[in-house]
Amino acid sequence: MDEPADIRTSRGQRLAEAVREDLELYAVAELEGRIAVLEAEIERVRAQIDRKRAGRAAADALFGGPKG
């Protein structure tokens, strides 16, 4: 019998699940760790936004994109 195919999760599904998680189950140290992970993720997302904006600005400058 074949193995079942891995179920693919949609973009953002894990994040949506994480924000619905019951925080009552966590100790203070675990919650502080969770905050540290979330803050690191926020910085990672902001860095990606900056890279995308820079790439877009470079493309707009090269190809005459929208003036802002």
PDB file of N, CA and C in Angstrom:
ATOM      1  N   MET A   1       0.842  -1.187   0.000  1.00  0.00           N
ATOM      2  CA  MET A   1       0.000   0.000   0.000  1.00  0.00           C
ATOM      3  C   MET A   1       0.884   1.246   0.000  1.00  0.00           C
ATOM      4  N   ASP A   2       0.516   2.237  -0.777  1.00  0.00           N
ATOM      5  CA  ASP A   2       1.304   3.465  -0.871  1.00  0.00           C
ATOM      6  C   ASP A   2       1.157   4.306   0.388  1.00  0.00           C
ATOM      7  N   GLU A   3       2.221   5.068   0.669  1.00  0.00           N
ATOM      8  CA  GLU A   3       2.180   6.026   1.773  1.00  0.00           C
ATOM      9  C   GLU A   3       1.277   7.193   1.368  1.00  0.00           C
ATOM     10  N   PRO A   4       0.498   7.744   2.302  1.00  0.00           N
ATOM     11  CA  PRO A   4      -0.319   8.917   1.950  1.00  0.00           C
ATOM     12  C   PRO A   4       0.573  10.114   1.657  1.00  0.00           C
ATOM     13  N   ALA A   5       0.142  10.924   0.724  1.00  0.00           N
ATOM     14  CA  ALA A   5       0.890  12.131   0.381  1.00  0.00           C
ATOM     15  C   ALA A   5       0.863  13.092   1.560  1.00  0.00           C
ATOM     16  N   ASP A   6       1.958  13.820   1.725  1.00  0.00           N
ATOM     17  CA  ASP A   6       1.998  14.823   2.783  1.00  0.00           C
ATOM     18  C   ASP A   6       0.920  15.865   2.530  1.00  0.00           C
ATOM     19  N   ILE A   7       0.231  16.247   3.571  1.00  0.00           N
ATOM     20  CA  ILE A   7      -0.779  17.293   3.457  1.00  0.00           C
ATOM     21  C   ILE A   7      -0.061  18.634   3.466  1.00  0.00           C
ATOM     22  N   ARG A   8      -0.269  19.411   2.435  1.00  0.00           N
ATOM     23  CA  ARG A   8       0.380  20.715   2.343  1.00  0.00           C
ATOM     24  C   ARG A   8      -0.426  21.744   3.120  1.00  0.00           C
ATOM     25  N   THR A   9       0.288  22.572   3.851  1.00  0.00           N
ATOM     26  CA  THR A   9      -0.385  23.641   4.576  1.00  0.00           C
ATOM     27  C   THR A   9      -0.357  24.895   3.714  1.00  0.00           C
ATOM     28  N   SER A  10      -1.382  25.694   3.824  1.00  0.00           N
ATOM     29  CA  SER A  10      -1.435  26.930   3.052  1.00  0.00           C
ATOM     30  C   SER A  10      -0.564  27.986   3.722  1.00  0.00           C
ATOM     31  N   ARG A  11      -0.226  29.005   2.963  1.00  0.00           N
ATOM     32  CA  ARG A  11       0.597  30.081   3.509  1.00  0.00           C
ATOM     33  C   ARG A  11      -0.093  30.693   4.714  1.00  0.00           C
ATOM     34  N   GLY A  12       0.672  30.847   5.766  1.00  0.00           N
ATOM     35  CA  GLY A  12       0.151  31.504   6.955  1.00  0.00           C
ATOM     36  C   GLY A  12      -0.681  30.611   7.863  1.00  0.00           C
ATOM     37  N   GLN A  13      -0.900  29.363   7.473  1.00  0.00           N
ATOM     38  CA  GLN A  13      -1.751  28.485   8.285  1.00  0.00           C
ATOM     39  C   GLN A  13      -1.136  28.233   9.659  1.00  0.00           C
ATOM     40  N   ARG A  14       0.164  27.997   9.708  1.00  0.00           N
ATOM     41  CA  ARG A  14       0.807  27.741  10.996  1.00  0.00           C
ATOM     42  C   ARG A  14       0.724  28.958  11.905  1.00  0.00           C
ATOM     43  N   LEU A  15       0.880  30.137  11.323  1.00  0.00           N
ATOM     44  CA  LEU A  15       0.764  31.365  12.105  1.00  0.00           C
ATOM     45  C   LEU A  15      -0.644  31.509  12.658  1.00  0.00           C
ATOM     46  N   ALA A  16      -1.640  31.243  11.820  1.00  0.00           N
ATOM     47  CA  ALA A  16      -3.033  31.325  12.264  1.00  0.00           C
ATOM     48  C   ALA A  16      -3.296  30.343  13.399  1.00  0.00           C
ATOM     49  N   GLU A  17      -2.717  29.150  13.303  1.00  0.00           N
ATOM     50  CA  GLU A  17      -2.882  28.167  14.372  1.00  0.00           C
ATOM     51  C   GLU A  17      -2.197  28.627  15.649  1.00  0.00           C
ATOM     52  N   ALA A  18      -1.028  29.245  15.515  1.00  0.00           N
ATOM     53  CA  ALA A  18      -0.270  29.694  16.680  1.00  0.00           C
ATOM     54  C   ALA A  18      -1.010  30.786  17.446  1.00  0.00           C
ATOM     55  N   VAL A  19      -1.667  31.691  16.738  1.00  0.00           N
ATOM     56  CA  VAL A  19      -2.344  32.786  17.433  1.00  0.00           C
ATOM     57  C   VAL A  19      -3.636  32.332  18.104  1.00  0.00           C
ATOM     58  N   ARG A  20      -4.125  31.161  17.724  1.00  0.00           N
ATOM     59  CA  ARG A  20      -5.326  30.627  18.379  1.00  0.00           C
ATOM     60  C   ARG A  20      -4.984  29.690  19.545  1.00  0.00           C
ATOM     61  N   GLU A  21      -3.716  29.436  19.744  1.00  0.00           N
ATOM     62  CA  GLU A  21      -3.287  28.497  20.767  1.00  0.00           C
ATOM     63  C   GLU A  21      -3.623  29.013  22.165  1.00  0.00           C
ATOM     64  N   ASP A  22      -4.003  28.108  23.053  1.00  0.00           N
ATOM     65  CA  ASP A  22      -4.352  28.453  24.435  1.00  0.00           C
ATOM     66  C   ASP A  22      -3.081  28.760  25.214  1.00  0.00           C
ATOM     67  N   LEU A  23      -2.893  30.022  25.582  1.00  0.00           N
ATOM     68  CA  LEU A  23      -1.681  30.440  26.284  1.00  0.00           C
ATOM     69  C   LEU A  23      -1.712  30.082  27.770  1.00  0.00           C
ATOM     70  N   GLU A  24      -2.859  29.720  28.278  1.00  0.00           N
ATOM     71  CA  GLU A  24      -2.964  29.314  29.688  1.00  0.00           C
ATOM     72  C   GLU A  24      -2.099  28.102  29.989  1.00  0.00           C
ATOM     73  N   LEU A  25      -1.779  27.317  28.992  1.00  0.00           N
ATOM     74  CA  LEU A  25      -1.025  26.088  29.185  1.00  0.00           C
ATOM     75  C   LEU A  25       0.468  26.344  29.372  1.00  0.00           C
ATOM     76  N   TYR A  26       0.933  27.561  29.121  1.00  0.00           N
ATOM     77  CA  TYR A  26       2.352  27.878  29.150  1.00  0.00           C
ATOM     78  C   TYR A  26       2.765  28.513  30.471  1.00  0.00           C
ATOM     79  N   ALA A  27       3.992  28.222  30.898  1.00  0.00           N
ATOM     80  CA  ALA A  27       4.595  28.882  32.054  1.00  0.00           C
ATOM     81  C   ALA A  27       5.120  30.246  31.613  1.00  0.00           C
ATOM     82  N   VAL A  28       5.432  31.095  32.576  1.00  0.00           N
ATOM     83  CA  VAL A  28       5.925  32.435  32.268  1.00  0.00           C
ATOM     84  C   VAL A  28       7.190  32.365  31.409  1.00  0.00           C
ATOM     85  N   ALA A  29       8.122  31.509  31.753  1.00  0.00           N
ATOM     86  CA  ALA A  29       9.363  31.402  30.981  1.00  0.00           C
ATOM     87  C   ALA A  29       9.067  30.977  29.540  1.00  0.00           C
ATOM     88  N   GLU A  30       8.120  30.102  29.345  1.00  0.00           N
ATOM     89  CA  GLU A  30       7.744  29.675  27.994  1.00  0.00           C
ATOM     90  C   GLU A  30       7.108  30.818  27.220  1.00  0.00           C
ATOM     91  N   LEU A  31       6.303  31.612  27.905  1.00  0.00           N
ATOM     92  CA  LEU A  31       5.680  32.762  27.251  1.00  0.00           C
ATOM     93  C   LEU A  31       6.730  33.799  26.872  1.00  0.00           C
ATOM     94  N   GLU A  32       7.712  34.014  27.738  1.00  0.00           N
ATOM     95  CA  GLU A  32       8.790  34.946  27.421  1.00  0.00           C
ATOM     96  C   GLU A  32       9.605  34.443  26.224  1.00  0.00           C
ATOM     97  N   GLY A  33       9.825  33.146  26.168  1.00  0.00           N
ATOM     98  CA  GLY A  33      10.510  32.567  25.023  1.00  0.00           C
ATOM     99  C   GLY A  33       9.709  32.749  23.749  1.00  0.00           C
ATOM    100  N   ARG A  34       8.413  32.592  23.874  1.00  0.00           N
ATOM    101  CA  ARG A  34       7.524  32.773  22.715  1.00  0.00           C
ATOM    102  C   ARG A  34       7.599  34.208  22.211  1.00  0.00           C
ATOM    103  N   ILE A  35       7.623  35.168  23.132  1.00  0.00           N
ATOM    104  CA  ILE A  35       7.748  36.576  22.750  1.00  0.00           C
ATOM    105  C   ILE A  35       9.060  36.806  22.005  1.00  0.00           C
ATOM    106  N   ALA A  36      10.150  36.222  22.498  1.00  0.00           N
ATOM    107  CA  ALA A  36      11.448  36.387  21.837  1.00  0.00           C
ATOM    108  C   ALA A  36      11.411  35.845  20.408  1.00  0.00           C
ATOM    109  N   VAL A  37      10.785  34.688  20.237  1.00  0.00           N
ATOM    110  CA  VAL A  37      10.675  34.101  18.902  1.00  0.00           C
ATOM    111  C   VAL A  37       9.826  34.990  18.000  1.00  0.00           C
ATOM    112  N   LEU A  38       8.723  35.495  18.511  1.00  0.00           N
ATOM    113  CA  LEU A  38       7.846  36.358  17.718  1.00  0.00           C
ATOM    114  C   LEU A  38       8.538  37.663  17.351  1.00  0.00           C
ATOM    115  N   GLU A  39       9.300  38.245  18.291  1.00  0.00           N
ATOM    116  CA  GLU A  39      10.021  39.478  17.984  1.00  0.00           C
ATOM    117  C   GLU A  39      11.076  39.239  16.905  1.00  0.00           C
ATOM    118  N   ALA A  40      11.761  38.098  16.962  1.00  0.00           N
ATOM    119  CA  ALA A  40      12.732  37.760  15.929  1.00  0.00           C
ATOM    120  C   ALA A  40      12.035  37.583  14.587  1.00  0.00           C
ATOM    121  N   GLU A  41      10.873  36.992  14.592  1.00  0.00           N
ATOM    122  CA  GLU A  41      10.112  36.809  13.346  1.00  0.00           C
ATOM    123  C   GLU A  41       9.651  38.151  12.785  1.00  0.00           C
ATOM    124  N   ILE A  42       9.254  39.059  13.654  1.00  0.00           N
ATOM    125  CA  ILE A  42       8.861  40.399  13.208  1.00  0.00           C
ATOM    126  C   ILE A  42      10.036  41.080  12.510  1.00  0.00           C
ATOM    127  N   GLU A  43      11.216  40.984  13.087  1.00  0.00           N
ATOM    128  CA  GLU A  43      12.403  41.579  12.468  1.00  0.00           C
ATOM    129  C   GLU A  43      12.716  40.927  11.128  1.00  0.00           C
ATOM    130  N   ARG A  44      12.562  39.615  11.045  1.00  0.00           N
ATOM    131  CA  ARG A  44      12.807  38.897   9.796  1.00  0.00           C
ATOM    132  C   ARG A  44      11.829  39.346   8.713  1.00  0.00           C
ATOM    133  N   VAL A  45      10.565  39.518   9.091  1.00  0.00           N
ATOM    134  CA  VAL A  45       9.546  39.961   8.136  1.00  0.00           C
ATOM    135  C   VAL A  45       9.820  41.395   7.695  1.00  0.00           C
ATOM    136  N   ARG A  46      10.190  42.255   8.636  1.00  0.00           N
ATOM    137  CA  ARG A  46      10.505  43.643   8.279  1.00  0.00           C
ATOM    138  C   ARG A  46      11.688  43.713   7.317  1.00  0.00           C
ATOM    139  N   ALA A  47      12.696  42.877   7.550  1.00  0.00           N
ATOM    140  CA  ALA A  47      13.860  42.846   6.659  1.00  0.00           C
ATOM    141  C   ALA A  47      13.444  42.403   5.258  1.00  0.00           C
ATOM    142  N   GLN A  48      12.544  41.436   5.174  1.00  0.00           N
ATOM    143  CA  GLN A  48      12.069  40.977   3.867  1.00  0.00           C
ATOM    144  C   GLN A  48      11.274  42.068   3.160  1.00  0.00           C
ATOM    145  N   ILE A  49      10.467  42.784   3.905  1.00  0.00           N
ATOM    146  CA  ILE A  49       9.711  43.907   3.336  1.00  0.00           C
ATOM    147  C   ILE A  49      10.682  44.943   2.777  1.00  0.00           C
ATOM    148  N   ASP A  50      11.727  45.268   3.547  1.00  0.00           N
ATOM    149  CA  ASP A  50      12.720  46.240   3.086  1.00  0.00           C
ATOM    150  C   ASP A  50      13.396  45.772   1.802  1.00  0.00           C
ATOM    151  N   ARG A  51      13.753  44.472   1.728  1.00  0.00           N
ATOM    152  CA  ARG A  51      14.383  43.939   0.516  1.00  0.00           C
ATOM    153  C   ARG A  51      13.438  44.035  -0.678  1.00  0.00           C
ATOM    154  N   LYS A  52      12.178  43.710  -0.444  1.00  0.00           N
ATOM    155  CA  LYS A  52      11.205  43.766  -1.546  1.00  0.00           C
ATOM    156  C   LYS A  52      10.985  45.211  -2.011  1.00  0.00           C
ATOM    157  N   ARG A  53      10.901  46.128  -1.070  1.00  0.00           N
ATOM    158  CA  ARG A  53      10.725  47.538  -1.445  1.00  0.00           C
ATOM    159  C   ARG A  53      11.935  48.050  -2.211  1.00  0.00           C
ATOM    160  N   ALA A  54      13.133  47.664  -1.772  1.00  0.00           N
ATOM    161  CA  ALA A  54      14.353  48.092  -2.465  1.00  0.00           C
ATOM    162  C   ALA A  54      14.394  47.517  -3.880  1.00  0.00           C
ATOM    163  N   GLY A  55      14.023  46.261  -4.017  1.00  0.00           N
ATOM    164  CA  GLY A  55      13.986  45.645  -5.342  1.00  0.00           C
ATOM    165  C   GLY A  55      12.973  46.322  -6.245  1.00  0.00           C
ATOM    166  N   ARG A  56      11.840  46.641  -5.679  1.00  0.00           N
ATOM    167  CA  ARG A  56      10.804  47.329  -6.457  1.00  0.00           C
ATOM    168  C   ARG A  56      11.250  48.719  -6.874  1.00  0.00           C
ATOM    169  N   ALA A  57      11.894  49.424  -5.932  1.00  0.00           N
ATOM    170  CA  ALA A  57      12.380  50.767  -6.243  1.00  0.00           C
ATOM    171  C   ALA A  57      13.434  50.723  -7.338  1.00  0.00           C
ATOM    172  N   ALA A  58      14.306  49.714  -7.284  1.00  0.00           N
ATOM    173  CA  ALA A  58      15.338  49.575  -8.315  1.00  0.00           C
ATOM    174  C   ALA A  58      14.702  49.272  -9.668  1.00  0.00           C
ATOM    175  N   ALA A  59      13.710  48.407  -9.692  1.00  0.00           N
ATOM    176  CA  ALA A  59      13.019  48.090 -10.947  1.00  0.00           C
ATOM    177  C   ALA A  59      12.281  49.311 -11.488  1.00  0.00           C
ATOM    178  N   ASP A  60      11.624  50.046 -10.593  1.00  0.00           N
ATOM    179  CA  ASP A  60      10.916  51.257 -11.018  1.00  0.00           C
ATOM    180  C   ASP A  60      11.890  52.281 -11.589  1.00  0.00           C
ATOM    181  N   ALA A  61      13.064  52.412 -10.964  1.00  0.00           N
ATOM    182  CA  ALA A  61      14.052  53.362 -11.453  1.00  0.00           C
ATOM    183  C   ALA A  61      14.582  52.948 -12.823  1.00  0.00           C
ATOM    184  N   LEU A  62      14.763  51.655 -13.009  1.00  0.00           N
ATOM    185  CA  LEU A  62      15.290  51.134 -14.270  1.00  0.00           C
ATOM    186  C   LEU A  62      14.252  51.188 -15.387  1.00  0.00           C
ATOM    187  N   PHE A  63      13.042  50.789 -15.065  1.00  0.00           N
ATOM    188  CA  PHE A  63      12.013  50.666 -16.096  1.00  0.00           C
ATOM    189  C   PHE A  63      10.982  51.780 -16.082  1.00  0.00           C
ATOM    190  N   GLY A  64      11.177  52.791 -15.242  1.00  0.00           N
ATOM    191  CA  GLY A  64      10.259  53.925 -15.230  1.00  0.00           C
ATOM    192  C   GLY A  64       8.916  53.585 -14.638  1.00  0.00           C
ATOM    193  N   GLY A  65       8.919  52.986 -13.485  1.00  0.00           N
ATOM    194  CA  GLY A  65       7.677  52.613 -12.820  1.00  0.00           C
ATOM    195  C   GLY A  65       6.946  53.811 -12.258  1.00  0.00           C
ATOM    196  N   PRO A  66       5.954  53.571 -11.406  1.00  0.00           N
ATOM    197  CA  PRO A  66       5.144  54.662 -10.866  1.00  0.00           C
ATOM    198  C   PRO A  66       5.982  55.673 -10.077  1.00  0.00           C
ATOM    199  N   LYS A  67       5.627  56.893 -10.240  1.00  0.00           N
ATOM    200  CA  LYS A  67       6.317  57.975  -9.499  1.00  0.00           C
ATOM    201  C   LYS A  67       5.558  58.189  -8.201  1.00  0.00           C
ATOM    202  N   GLY A  68       6.304  58.280  -7.103  1.00  0.00           N
ATOM    203  CA  GLY A  68       5.612  58.402  -5.852  1.00  0.00           C
ATOM    204  C   GLY A  68       6.027  59.502  -5.038  1.00  0.00           C
TER     205      GLY A  68
END
